[in-house]
Amino acid sequence: MRFLFVGDSMTIGCAGDWTWRYRMWRHLERVLPGGYEIVGPRDGLYVPEGEAGDPRAYADPGFPAAARRHLAGWGEGWLHMAPVIGETVAATRADVLLVSLGLIDLGFYTDSDQTEANVRAFLTAARTARPGVRAVLLPVIPNVRAGYDPAFAAECARFNELLAKAVADLDAPDAPLLLATVPESYDLREDTYDGTHPSPSGEHKLAAAFAGALHQAWGIGGPYEP
């Protein structure tokens, strides 16, 4: 079973981070040893332009190169991933997409309606490339801007409603979709380091959201253990 992580800055991580991808890899090693592969065209971390840093400098240097693969980018959202997901799925033959996108779109590029249209374009392209591909989609999670910008908070809430509707509309027996559950205990003070990007505890909670959806709905893997 080939897993492809798709996401924005919360998924790619910065130089020196563990990333929730790392936490998910550790989970897959425990519950599906030898029965999975992580795929994707990228494998590095984000290094801000003009700053010293190594995109290979994961917090755990023992994180295997093959498990570091992903399709994530700092400042990239549904808008950016929809045009490239088809070719990526075709090239990697991904079976399951684990997707965490939306915050960047709503914050900088598109409103909730436009973002939802890009979700549908993304899923159409993925299925065209590989008709049986599955996907688990995480709604926009709590973030600091929503705490002081009511209009932005409303757009996040509305997008999450539209995302749930899109998943319900497009779910199919031969290409199932899941909406992951935002962790109820997600706390910006404890689970992020800047109000947006996950701290180690936040990484565990994001990985657990995907692992729980896979296990509970599809019987893939097992319960998440930090």
Foldseek 3Di string as FASTA:
>chain_A
DEEAEEEELQAQDAQAEQGLLVLLVVQCCVFPNPNYFYAADDQFHDDPPPDDGDRQRYNDVPSDSRSRHHHYYYLDALVRQLVPLLVGCLVGVGQEYEYEGDLSCLVPNHFLVVRLVSVVSSVVSNCVNPVQHEYEYEQHEFFDVVVPPVVSVVRSVVSSVSVVVVQVVPADPRHGYHYFDHDPPDDQVQQAPHRHHGDVVVSLRSSQRVVVRCCPPPNGTDHRDD
